[in-house]
């Protein structure tokens, strides 16, 4: 007759299984997150390629964040950038990060489409268009023009970028409920991570980013924030240091480049 396991032997086996589970489960979780990061990089790459197809069809001129936003004439029927790209992507889901919350289906009796200037759409995206990428918000308009004037409603052309390899186009952003402050469809460097209108770093501190030359990759999110200012001090100030970040990525094409902004370091202001 075979001898049965003793209680101590069973407890030892259970302890070994628990130890192995404690070791392996985080590994599995990291592998799952890494797979989702790969999907997110692919999504943002596809958005960038769609943008390039759009500009090829429109004489290399980019769209704005939302139709009419630069002149204050946006309407609920205005297309946001994801709507501009829809004919090329055939999917609004590309603008939803794989680790972000799924959009609610409706808000204020308006159904989610991901394409229009309504809170249920523009707030819930979790891959964002660079907030400094149209002239209403950029350095040139804040310095030389008044937002809403004809000069500030002229959009960027692809041949104007001096550093397309470093020029941010799309980046991980913060999903926002339709009733909350902020908006996921755009993000800027002068806010902290994981706050309204800021970038997100959902992949163990990494954000997915695409650039004006068409490439995409994951970058440490905090390295892309404005140097010495991870919390916005004064939203009314000008963006003279908006490109001063340790990742050396460019947010505002019209603002001075980091090499010209050594005086920014240490002042903690834009």
Protein backbone atom coordinates (compact mmCIF):
# COMPACT_ATOMS: atom_id res chain seq x y z
CA UNK A 1 0.00 0.00 0.00
CA UNK A 2 1.40 3.37 -1.09
CA UNK A 3 2.04 5.94 1.55
CA UNK A 4 -0.16 9.07 1.24
CA UNK A 5 1.27 12.55 1.21
CA UNK A 6 1.63 14.06 4.62
CA UNK A 7 0.14 17.44 5.45
CA UNK A 8 3.61 19.00 5.50
CA UNK A 9 4.41 17.65 2.04
CA UNK A 10 1.14 19.02 0.67
CA UNK A 11 1.84 22.42 2.23
CA UNK A 12 5.32 22.42 0.69
CA UNK A 13 3.87 21.69 -2.76
CA UNK A 14 1.25 24.43 -2.33
CA UNK A 15 3.96 26.88 -1.21
CA UNK A 16 6.10 26.05 -4.25
CA UNK A 17 3.13 26.58 -6.57
CA UNK A 18 2.35 29.92 -4.87
CA UNK A 19 5.96 31.06 -5.23
CA UNK A 20 6.02 30.10 -8.92
CA UNK A 21 2.72 31.91 -9.48
CA UNK A 22 4.06 35.02 -7.75
CA UNK A 23 7.08 34.95 -10.05
CA UNK A 24 5.28 34.13 -13.29
CA UNK A 25 2.10 36.22 -13.07
CA UNK A 26 3.95 39.59 -13.22
CA UNK A 27 5.94 38.22 -16.17
CA UNK A 28 2.72 37.30 -17.95
CA UNK A 29 1.27 40.73 -17.15
CA UNK A 30 4.37 42.46 -18.54
CA UNK A 31 4.23 40.33 -21.68
CA UNK A 32 0.56 41.23 -22.15
CA UNK A 33 1.33 44.94 -21.68
CA UNK A 34 4.23 44.69 -24.13
CA UNK A 35 1.91 43.13 -26.70
CA UNK A 36 -0.60 45.95 -26.22
CA UNK A 37 2.22 48.50 -26.61
CA UNK A 38 3.11 46.88 -29.94
CA UNK A 39 -0.53 47.22 -31.03
CA UNK A 40 -0.57 50.87 -29.91
CA UNK A 41 2.60 51.66 -31.88
CA UNK A 42 1.02 49.99 -34.91
CA UNK A 43 -2.16 52.05 -34.46
CA UNK A 44 -0.33 55.35 -34.22
CA UNK A 45 1.81 54.40 -37.19
CA UNK A 46 -1.35 53.75 -39.23
CA UNK A 47 -2.78 57.12 -38.17
CA UNK A 48 0.44 58.78 -39.30
CA UNK A 49 0.32 57.02 -42.65
CA UNK A 50 -3.32 58.04 -43.07
CA UNK A 51 -2.31 61.62 -42.32
CA UNK A 52 0.33 61.44 -45.03
CA UNK A 53 -2.26 60.15 -47.51
CA UNK A 54 -4.56 63.01 -46.50
CA UNK A 55 -1.85 65.64 -47.04
CA UNK A 56 -0.93 64.07 -50.38
CA UNK A 57 -4.53 64.68 -51.45
CA UNK A 58 -4.60 68.26 -50.13
CA UNK A 59 -1.39 69.78 -51.48
CA UNK A 60 0.63 68.75 -48.40
CA UNK A 61 -1.50 70.92 -46.08
CA UNK A 62 -2.57 69.51 -42.71
CA UNK A 63 -6.04 69.66 -41.15
CA UNK A 64 -6.87 71.30 -37.82
CA UNK A 65 -7.87 69.54 -34.60
CA UNK A 66 -11.51 70.25 -35.34
CA UNK A 67 -13.10 71.89 -38.35
CA UNK A 68 -13.48 75.64 -37.63
CA UNK A 69 -11.72 75.52 -34.24
CA UNK A 70 -9.04 78.02 -35.26
CA UNK A 71 -11.64 80.66 -36.08
CA UNK A 72 -14.19 79.79 -33.39
CA UNK A 73 -16.73 78.47 -35.90
CA UNK A 74 -16.71 74.82 -34.86
CA UNK A 75 -20.09 73.05 -34.71
CA UNK A 76 -21.30 69.66 -33.42
CA UNK A 77 -21.18 68.52 -37.04
CA UNK A 78 -17.54 69.65 -37.45
CA UNK A 79 -15.07 66.86 -38.09
CA UNK A 80 -12.27 66.35 -35.59
CA UNK A 81 -8.92 65.01 -36.81
CA UNK A 82 -10.07 61.40 -36.47
CA UNK A 83 -12.98 62.26 -38.74
CA UNK A 84 -10.66 63.85 -41.29
CA UNK A 85 -8.67 60.62 -41.41
CA UNK A 86 -11.60 58.20 -41.44
CA UNK A 87 -11.78 57.94 -45.27
CA UNK A 88 -8.19 56.66 -45.15
CA UNK A 89 -8.27 54.49 -42.01
CA UNK A 90 -11.86 53.17 -42.29
CA UNK A 91 -11.68 52.75 -38.51
CA UNK A 92 -12.16 55.22 -35.67
CA UNK A 93 -10.89 52.54 -33.27
CA UNK A 94 -7.27 53.28 -34.21
CA UNK A 95 -7.51 56.37 -31.97
CA UNK A 96 -8.32 54.23 -28.92
CA UNK A 97 -5.29 53.01 -26.98
CA UNK A 98 -5.45 49.24 -26.32
CA UNK A 99 -5.07 49.81 -22.55
CA UNK A 100 -7.54 52.71 -22.33
CA UNK A 101 -11.13 52.57 -21.20
CA UNK A 102 -13.61 51.84 -23.97
CA UNK A 103 -15.74 54.85 -24.97
CA UNK A 104 -19.28 55.07 -23.64
CA UNK A 105 -21.78 54.56 -26.42
CA UNK A 106 -23.74 57.80 -25.96
CA UNK A 107 -23.88 61.05 -24.01
CA UNK A 108 -26.60 63.71 -24.01
CA UNK A 109 -28.53 61.61 -26.52
CA UNK A 110 -25.65 61.71 -29.01
CA UNK A 111 -24.10 58.40 -30.05
CA UNK A 112 -20.36 57.87 -30.08
CA UNK A 113 -18.76 57.92 -33.54
CA UNK A 114 -15.23 59.14 -32.75
CA UNK A 115 -15.39 61.68 -35.59
CA UNK A 116 -17.19 64.88 -34.56
CA UNK A 117 -16.87 67.96 -32.34
CA UNK A 118 -19.11 66.60 -29.59
CA UNK A 119 -17.92 65.56 -26.09
CA UNK A 120 -18.88 61.93 -26.58
CA UNK A 121 -16.38 61.83 -29.48
CA UNK A 122 -13.46 64.20 -28.95
CA UNK A 123 -13.08 63.67 -25.21
CA UNK A 124 -12.94 59.88 -25.33
CA UNK A 125 -10.04 59.35 -27.74
CA UNK A 126 -6.84 58.06 -26.11
CA UNK A 127 -4.40 58.65 -28.94
CA UNK A 128 -4.06 62.39 -29.43
CA UNK A 129 -3.12 64.90 -32.08
CA UNK A 130 -0.31 67.22 -30.97
CA UNK A 131 -2.01 70.27 -29.42
CA UNK A 132 0.65 72.60 -30.91
CA UNK A 133 0.16 71.35 -34.45
CA UNK A 134 -2.27 74.01 -35.68
CA UNK A 135 -1.64 77.71 -35.61
CA UNK A 136 -4.40 78.72 -33.21
CA UNK A 137 -2.29 77.43 -30.34
CA UNK A 138 1.22 77.81 -31.63
CA UNK A 139 4.10 80.09 -30.78
CA UNK A 140 3.84 82.29 -33.88
CA UNK A 141 0.23 83.20 -33.23
CA UNK A 142 0.73 83.80 -29.52
CA UNK A 143 3.69 86.07 -30.29
CA UNK A 144 2.79 87.85 -33.51
CA UNK A 145 -0.90 87.47 -34.25
CA UNK A 146 -4.24 87.25 -32.50
CA UNK A 147 -5.87 83.79 -32.42
CA UNK A 148 -8.80 83.69 -34.80
CA UNK A 149 -7.30 86.07 -37.38
CA UNK A 150 -6.65 84.87 -40.94
CA UNK A 151 -2.95 84.38 -40.18
CA UNK A 152 -3.85 81.98 -37.40
CA UNK A 153 -6.16 79.85 -39.50
CA UNK A 154 -3.54 78.96 -42.07
CA UNK A 155 -2.38 75.43 -41.42
CA UNK A 156 0.97 73.76 -41.64
CA UNK A 157 2.31 72.35 -44.86
CA UNK A 158 4.52 69.26 -44.86
CA UNK A 159 7.41 71.12 -46.50
CA UNK A 160 7.59 73.65 -43.65
CA UNK A 161 9.01 71.23 -41.08
CA UNK A 162 12.72 71.67 -40.51
CA UNK A 163 12.96 68.57 -38.30
CA UNK A 164 10.26 66.08 -39.44
CA UNK A 165 12.04 63.15 -37.77
CA UNK A 166 11.57 64.85 -34.38
CA UNK A 167 8.22 66.58 -34.99
CA UNK A 168 5.49 65.00 -32.81
CA UNK A 169 2.18 64.31 -34.57
CA UNK A 170 0.33 61.72 -32.48
CA UNK A 171 0.92 60.65 -28.88
CA UNK A 172 -0.72 58.61 -26.13
CA UNK A 173 -3.31 60.73 -24.33
CA UNK A 174 -5.67 60.62 -21.37
CA UNK A 175 -9.10 59.13 -21.93
CA UNK A 176 -11.66 61.62 -20.62
CA UNK A 177 -15.30 60.96 -19.75
CA UNK A 178 -17.70 63.11 -21.83
CA UNK A 179 -18.74 65.05 -18.73
CA UNK A 180 -15.20 65.66 -17.42
CA UNK A 181 -12.63 68.39 -18.00
CA UNK A 182 -10.02 67.92 -20.69
CA UNK A 183 -10.10 66.11 -24.00
CA UNK A 184 -8.35 62.98 -25.20
CA UNK A 185 -8.17 64.05 -28.84
CA UNK A 186 -5.21 66.37 -28.22
CA UNK A 187 -2.25 66.49 -25.84
CA UNK A 188 0.58 68.91 -25.12
CA UNK A 189 3.94 68.91 -23.32
CA UNK A 190 3.18 71.70 -20.84
CA UNK A 191 0.99 69.54 -18.61
CA UNK A 192 1.93 66.68 -16.35
CA UNK A 193 1.34 63.09 -17.41
CA UNK A 194 -2.11 61.56 -16.91
CA UNK A 195 -3.90 64.89 -16.48
CA UNK A 196 -6.51 66.63 -18.68
CA UNK A 197 -5.01 67.65 -22.05
CA UNK A 198 -1.74 65.97 -21.14
CA UNK A 199 0.09 62.99 -22.56
CA UNK A 200 -0.30 59.53 -21.09
CA UNK A 201 2.41 56.95 -20.40
CA UNK A 202 0.38 53.76 -19.93
CA UNK A 203 3.10 51.28 -20.86
CA UNK A 204 5.26 51.19 -17.72
CA UNK A 205 6.09 54.88 -18.17
CA UNK A 206 6.30 54.79 -21.97
CA UNK A 207 4.09 56.69 -24.41
CA UNK A 208 3.60 55.76 -28.06
CA UNK A 209 4.47 58.58 -30.44
CA UNK A 210 4.47 59.15 -34.19
CA UNK A 211 6.42 61.75 -36.10
CA UNK A 212 6.01 63.87 -39.22
CA UNK A 213 8.32 61.66 -41.28
CA UNK A 214 5.99 58.69 -40.67
CA UNK A 215 7.88 56.64 -38.11
CA UNK A 216 6.47 55.68 -34.70
CA UNK A 217 7.95 54.34 -31.48
CA UNK A 218 7.59 54.20 -27.69
CA UNK A 219 9.31 56.94 -25.65
CA UNK A 220 9.50 57.58 -21.92
CA UNK A 221 6.56 59.91 -21.44
CA UNK A 222 8.11 62.21 -18.85
CA UNK A 223 11.12 62.88 -21.09
CA UNK A 224 8.83 64.66 -23.57
CA UNK A 225 7.45 67.18 -21.09
CA UNK A 226 8.59 70.80 -21.07
CA UNK A 227 11.87 70.99 -19.17
CA UNK A 228 11.53 72.18 -15.55
CA UNK A 229 7.76 72.38 -15.85
CA UNK A 230 5.73 69.21 -15.44
CA UNK A 231 2.77 71.18 -14.09
CA UNK A 232 1.36 74.04 -16.12
CA UNK A 233 1.92 77.23 -14.15
CA UNK A 234 0.02 79.72 -16.27
CA UNK A 235 -2.07 78.66 -19.27
CA UNK A 236 -2.01 82.24 -20.60
CA UNK A 237 1.77 82.38 -21.00
CA UNK A 238 3.47 82.03 -24.36
CA UNK A 239 5.08 78.81 -25.53
CA UNK A 240 8.69 79.99 -25.82
CA UNK A 241 10.02 76.84 -24.11
CA UNK A 242 7.51 74.36 -25.48
CA UNK A 243 10.20 72.44 -27.39
CA UNK A 244 12.66 72.27 -24.50
CA UNK A 245 12.50 68.63 -23.37
CA UNK A 246 15.07 65.95 -22.67
CA UNK A 247 13.72 63.64 -25.40
CA UNK A 248 14.48 66.43 -27.91
CA UNK A 249 11.15 65.99 -29.64
CA UNK A 250 9.51 69.06 -31.20
CA UNK A 251 5.94 69.96 -30.37
CA UNK A 252 5.39 73.41 -31.85
CA UNK A 253 6.93 73.73 -35.32
CA UNK A 254 7.02 77.53 -35.06
CA UNK A 255 8.61 77.79 -31.60
CA UNK A 256 12.37 78.06 -31.06
CA UNK A 257 14.25 74.80 -31.00
CA UNK A 258 15.90 73.59 -27.77
CA UNK A 259 19.39 74.68 -28.80
CA UNK A 260 18.14 78.27 -28.84
CA UNK A 261 16.43 78.04 -25.48
CA UNK A 262 19.23 77.47 -22.98
CA UNK A 263 17.89 80.34 -20.88
CA UNK A 264 14.70 78.34 -20.27
CA UNK A 265 16.43 75.77 -18.13
CA UNK A 266 15.98 76.39 -14.43
CA UNK A 267 13.28 79.04 -14.69
CA UNK A 268 10.33 76.65 -14.56
CA UNK A 269 8.20 78.82 -16.85
CA UNK A 270 7.32 78.93 -20.50
